C-alpha cells in the first residue's frame, strides 16, 4: 500500500492493533467488490467492521468478506439484532457454531428490541465471551431505555463484569436516540456519567454524524472510540481526529 506523507505535525495515533482510538464501521451490506475497494483505501484506519442487523445471515458472500477483512486486520462483528432474534428463538448455539465456522471473531450482544430480561443479556455476554470478542451494547431502538444515565452506567458495569471487551453506547445509524436527543444533540450528562464509571478506552460511542464525531474528538481527544461510521466516512473521521478539518483544528493540529 502506498505510504501517506508525514511532513505535518499532528496528534499521535496508535497503529493497529490498538486499544484506543477505535474506528468501528457499520457495514449495511457491501458487495465483495465494494468491500475490497473499502479495505484498499481505509483498512489501516478501520478496527472493527460490524455487519449490521441481520444482514450477515442473508448475505451468501459473508464468508468471503470475513476472509478479506481478516487479511486486512479488520475483524467482522455480527450485528446485535441477529443475536437477539436467535436468543428469542433459542438458537444461540446454532448461531455460535455457524459464526465460528465462517471465521467470525466478534459478536455484538444487545437488547435493543427489549425482548430479553437484563439477566439474560448479561448471561449471553458471559457465554459468548468464551469464544468471541464481545461488544456489549447499551440502549434501545426506541431511545427511552435505559431510563436514566445512572441505569446506563449500571448496565455497562455489569456487561464489563460479565466479560465484554467493548461497551457500545447506542446511537443507531440515525444519531437520534440513546446518546442523542431527537435533534441529534449529544446528551452530555449521559456521556459524563458513563465516563465517571467506565474507562473511556472500553467505550465505543456510536456517532454516525460528522457534528457528533467532532464533538467527541474535541471533548475526549483523537483517541476516542467512535462507532457506526459509514464506510465512506472513515477517511473524513480520521481528518477530524488529526485536526485536518476546521471542526477540530484547535484540538491538535495547531499545538
Protein backbone atom coordinates (compact mmCIF):
# COMPACT_ATOMS: atom_id res chain seq x y z
CA UNK A 1 0.00 0.00 0.00
CA UNK A 2 1.44 3.45 -0.89
CA UNK A 3 2.52 5.49 2.11
CA UNK A 4 0.95 8.79 3.11
CA UNK A 5 3.08 11.92 3.66
CA UNK A 6 4.45 12.67 7.13
CA UNK A 7 5.59 16.32 6.98
CA UNK A 8 2.83 17.82 9.20
CA UNK A 9 2.88 17.88 12.99
CA UNK A 10 -0.31 16.07 14.04
CA UNK A 11 -1.64 14.38 17.18
CA UNK A 12 -0.09 10.94 17.67
CA UNK A 13 -2.25 7.99 16.71
CA UNK A 14 -1.56 4.40 17.68
CA UNK A 15 -1.27 1.96 14.81
CA UNK A 16 -3.30 -1.21 14.56
CA UNK A 17 -3.91 -3.35 16.50
CA UNK A 18 -4.78 -0.69 19.05
CA UNK A 19 -6.79 -0.49 22.25
CA UNK A 20 -7.91 3.14 21.93
CA UNK A 21 -8.94 5.38 19.08
CA UNK A 22 -11.07 2.59 17.62
CA UNK A 23 -12.97 3.26 14.41
CA UNK A 24 -15.97 0.92 14.27
CA UNK A 25 -17.63 0.81 10.84
CA UNK A 26 -21.27 -0.01 10.11
CA UNK A 27 -21.48 -2.21 7.00
CA UNK A 28 -25.00 -2.19 5.60
CA UNK A 29 -24.34 -4.88 3.01
CA UNK A 30 -21.26 -4.04 0.95
CA UNK A 31 -20.63 -6.22 -2.08
CA UNK A 32 -17.36 -8.14 -2.23
CA UNK A 33 -16.02 -5.64 -4.77
CA UNK A 34 -17.04 -2.70 -2.58
CA UNK A 35 -15.52 -4.43 0.45
CA UNK A 36 -12.26 -4.90 -1.43
CA UNK A 37 -12.20 -1.24 -2.50
CA UNK A 38 -13.03 -0.04 1.01
CA UNK A 39 -10.26 -2.13 2.55
CA UNK A 40 -7.75 -0.98 -0.03
CA UNK A 41 -8.33 2.63 0.94
CA UNK A 42 -9.28 2.58 4.62
CA UNK A 43 -8.27 -0.73 6.24
CA UNK A 44 -5.37 0.95 8.04
CA UNK A 45 -7.88 3.27 9.75
CA UNK A 46 -10.58 0.67 10.48
CA UNK A 47 -10.55 -1.54 13.57
CA UNK A 48 -13.92 -3.34 13.51
CA UNK A 49 -16.49 -3.83 10.73
CA UNK A 50 -19.98 -4.51 12.05
CA UNK A 51 -22.28 -6.18 9.56
CA UNK A 52 -25.46 -4.53 10.71
CA UNK A 53 -28.70 -6.02 11.97
CA UNK A 54 -29.29 -9.48 10.43
CA UNK A 55 -27.56 -8.82 7.11
CA UNK A 56 -24.87 -11.39 7.80
CA UNK A 57 -27.47 -14.14 7.94
CA UNK A 58 -28.76 -13.48 4.42
CA UNK A 59 -25.50 -12.46 2.69
CA UNK A 60 -24.16 -15.52 0.81
CA UNK A 61 -20.87 -13.68 0.29
CA UNK A 62 -20.27 -13.13 4.00
CA UNK A 63 -17.62 -15.89 4.35
CA UNK A 64 -15.60 -14.32 1.53
CA UNK A 65 -15.94 -10.88 3.08
CA UNK A 66 -14.93 -12.20 6.51
CA UNK A 67 -11.77 -13.60 4.95
CA UNK A 68 -10.97 -10.36 3.11
CA UNK A 69 -11.46 -8.26 6.22
CA UNK A 70 -9.37 -10.62 8.35
CA UNK A 71 -6.50 -10.39 5.87
CA UNK A 72 -6.55 -6.61 6.39
CA UNK A 73 -6.78 -6.76 10.20
CA UNK A 74 -10.42 -5.62 10.21
CA UNK A 75 -12.45 -8.26 12.06
CA UNK A 76 -16.13 -8.53 11.21
CA UNK A 77 -18.66 -8.30 14.03
CA UNK A 78 -22.19 -9.64 13.72
CA UNK A 79 -24.97 -7.17 14.49
CA UNK A 80 -26.76 -7.40 17.81
CA UNK A 81 -30.25 -7.70 16.33
CA UNK A 82 -29.30 -11.07 14.80
CA UNK A 83 -28.23 -12.38 18.20
CA UNK A 84 -31.39 -11.03 19.85
CA UNK A 85 -33.57 -12.90 17.33
CA UNK A 86 -31.52 -16.07 17.83
CA UNK A 87 -31.92 -15.75 21.60
CA UNK A 88 -35.67 -15.22 21.28
CA UNK A 89 -35.86 -18.42 19.21
CA UNK A 90 -33.45 -20.34 21.47
CA UNK A 91 -30.95 -20.68 18.63
CA UNK A 92 -27.85 -19.06 20.17
CA UNK A 93 -25.82 -22.28 20.00
CA UNK A 94 -26.59 -22.64 16.29
CA UNK A 95 -25.58 -19.02 15.68
CA UNK A 96 -22.37 -19.58 17.60
CA UNK A 97 -21.42 -22.68 15.61
CA UNK A 98 -22.22 -21.01 12.28
CA UNK A 99 -20.28 -17.85 13.15
CA UNK A 100 -17.21 -19.81 14.22
CA UNK A 101 -17.39 -21.95 11.07
CA UNK A 102 -17.03 -18.90 8.80
CA UNK A 103 -14.32 -17.20 10.84
CA UNK A 104 -16.33 -14.63 12.78
CA UNK A 105 -14.35 -13.45 15.80
CA UNK A 106 -16.52 -10.61 17.16
CA UNK A 107 -20.19 -10.50 18.14
CA UNK A 108 -22.42 -7.75 19.46
CA UNK A 109 -24.69 -8.53 22.39
CA UNK A 110 -27.53 -6.05 22.66
CA UNK A 111 -31.08 -5.77 23.92
CA UNK A 112 -32.31 -3.05 21.62
CA UNK A 113 -35.60 -4.84 20.99
CA UNK A 114 -36.20 -5.02 24.77
CA UNK A 115 -37.33 -8.65 24.42
CA UNK A 116 -34.71 -10.17 26.76
CA UNK A 117 -34.56 -9.89 30.56
CA UNK A 118 -31.49 -7.96 31.68
CA UNK A 119 -30.09 -11.06 33.33
CA UNK A 120 -30.34 -12.95 30.02
CA UNK A 121 -28.34 -10.27 28.23
CA UNK A 122 -25.53 -10.43 30.79
CA UNK A 123 -25.58 -14.24 30.66
CA UNK A 124 -25.17 -14.07 26.87
CA UNK A 125 -22.17 -11.77 27.27
CA UNK A 126 -20.60 -14.26 29.67
CA UNK A 127 -21.40 -17.26 27.47
CA UNK A 128 -20.20 -15.79 24.19
CA UNK A 129 -17.05 -14.21 25.65
CA UNK A 130 -15.64 -17.74 25.83
CA UNK A 131 -15.44 -17.87 22.02
CA UNK A 132 -15.67 -14.31 20.72
CA UNK A 133 -14.63 -10.74 21.37
CA UNK A 134 -17.90 -9.38 22.74
CA UNK A 135 -19.17 -5.87 22.10
CA UNK A 136 -22.00 -5.29 24.59
CA UNK A 137 -24.36 -2.53 23.57
CA UNK A 138 -26.46 -0.45 25.96
CA UNK A 139 -29.55 1.36 24.73
CA UNK A 140 -32.77 0.55 22.89
CA UNK A 141 -34.14 1.28 19.44
CA UNK A 142 -36.97 3.44 20.74
CA UNK A 143 -34.50 5.66 22.57
CA UNK A 144 -36.00 5.70 26.08
CA UNK A 145 -34.05 2.87 27.68
CA UNK A 146 -32.19 2.75 29.99
CA UNK A 147 -34.34 5.45 31.57
CA UNK A 148 -31.56 7.31 33.41
CA UNK A 149 -27.83 7.94 32.90
CA UNK A 150 -27.17 6.03 36.13
CA UNK A 151 -29.01 3.00 34.75
CA UNK A 152 -26.88 3.18 31.58
CA UNK A 153 -23.70 3.09 33.61
CA UNK A 154 -25.03 0.26 35.78
CA UNK A 155 -25.78 -1.89 32.73
CA UNK A 156 -22.37 -1.18 31.23
CA UNK A 157 -20.72 -2.09 34.53
CA UNK A 158 -22.49 -5.45 34.59
CA UNK A 159 -21.58 -6.16 30.95
CA UNK A 160 -17.94 -5.39 31.70
CA UNK A 161 -18.00 -7.72 34.70
CA UNK A 162 -19.59 -10.41 32.51
CA UNK A 163 -16.63 -10.36 30.12
CA UNK A 164 -17.38 -7.78 27.42
CA UNK A 165 -14.28 -6.41 25.72
CA UNK A 166 -16.03 -3.27 24.46
CA UNK A 167 -19.09 -1.39 25.68
CA UNK A 168 -21.12 0.24 22.92
CA UNK A 169 -23.26 3.29 23.69
CA UNK A 170 -26.30 3.22 21.39
CA UNK A 171 -26.80 5.96 18.84
CA UNK A 172 -28.21 3.98 15.91
CA UNK A 173 -27.42 4.90 12.33
CA UNK A 174 -29.75 7.90 12.67
CA UNK A 175 -27.92 9.52 15.60
CA UNK A 176 -31.25 10.47 17.17
CA UNK A 177 -31.65 8.02 20.06
CA UNK A 178 -29.65 6.78 23.02
CA UNK A 179 -26.69 9.14 23.30
CA UNK A 180 -28.62 11.80 21.40
CA UNK A 181 -31.80 13.79 21.56
CA UNK A 182 -34.19 13.66 18.61
CA UNK A 183 -32.46 16.76 17.16
CA UNK A 184 -29.05 14.95 17.06
CA UNK A 185 -27.73 16.85 20.11
CA UNK A 186 -25.40 14.96 22.44
CA UNK A 187 -26.73 14.09 25.89
CA UNK A 188 -23.69 15.44 27.70
CA UNK A 189 -24.99 14.37 31.12
CA UNK A 190 -25.13 10.77 29.91
CA UNK A 191 -21.60 10.87 28.49
CA UNK A 192 -20.30 12.30 31.78
CA UNK A 193 -21.98 9.64 33.93
CA UNK A 194 -20.70 6.85 31.67
CA UNK A 195 -17.12 8.13 31.85
CA UNK A 196 -17.35 8.64 35.61
CA UNK A 197 -17.96 4.90 35.92
CA UNK A 198 -16.38 3.24 32.87
CA UNK A 199 -12.84 3.63 31.48
CA UNK A 200 -13.00 5.68 28.30
CA UNK A 201 -10.90 3.20 26.33
CA UNK A 202 -13.54 0.49 26.88
CA UNK A 203 -16.44 2.54 25.48
CA UNK A 204 -17.36 2.86 21.80
CA UNK A 205 -19.62 5.85 21.24
CA UNK A 206 -21.89 5.38 18.24
CA UNK A 207 -21.64 8.69 16.36
CA UNK A 208 -22.82 8.47 12.76
CA UNK A 209 -23.00 12.23 12.10
CA UNK A 210 -20.00 14.48 11.49
CA UNK A 211 -21.03 17.02 14.13
CA UNK A 212 -21.31 14.25 16.71
CA UNK A 213 -17.92 12.82 15.79
CA UNK A 214 -16.34 16.27 16.01
CA UNK A 215 -17.84 16.84 19.47
CA UNK A 216 -16.36 13.61 20.81
CA UNK A 217 -12.94 14.39 19.33
CA UNK A 218 -12.96 17.90 20.81
CA UNK A 219 -14.15 16.74 24.22
CA UNK A 220 -12.32 13.41 24.58
CA UNK A 221 -9.37 13.66 22.20
CA UNK A 222 -8.32 11.98 18.95
CA UNK A 223 -8.19 8.54 20.55
CA UNK A 224 -11.87 8.40 21.48
CA UNK A 225 -13.57 5.21 20.23
CA UNK A 226 -16.24 6.04 17.64
CA UNK A 227 -18.75 3.62 16.15
CA UNK A 228 -21.40 3.25 13.44
CA UNK A 229 -19.19 5.10 10.98
CA UNK A 230 -20.20 4.86 7.33
CA UNK A 231 -17.52 3.14 5.21
CA UNK A 232 -17.32 6.23 3.02
CA UNK A 233 -16.72 8.43 6.09
CA UNK A 234 -13.70 6.65 7.61
CA UNK A 235 -11.17 8.98 5.98
CA UNK A 236 -13.24 12.03 6.92
CA UNK A 237 -13.39 10.86 10.56
CA UNK A 238 -9.61 10.48 10.62
CA UNK A 239 -9.24 14.09 9.48
CA UNK A 240 -11.35 15.08 12.49
CA UNK A 241 -9.14 13.02 14.78
CA UNK A 242 -5.98 14.61 13.38
CA UNK A 243 -7.18 18.20 13.23
CA UNK A 244 -7.18 18.27 9.44
CA UNK A 245 -10.69 19.70 9.35
CA UNK A 246 -11.95 23.07 10.53
CA UNK A 247 -14.21 21.46 13.15
CA UNK A 248 -11.22 20.15 15.15
CA UNK A 249 -8.15 22.11 14.05
CA UNK A 250 -7.87 23.66 17.51
CA UNK A 251 -7.92 20.15 19.07
CA UNK A 252 -4.49 19.22 17.82
CA UNK A 253 -3.08 20.42 14.52
CA UNK A 254 -2.08 23.86 15.81
CA UNK A 255 -0.44 22.67 19.04
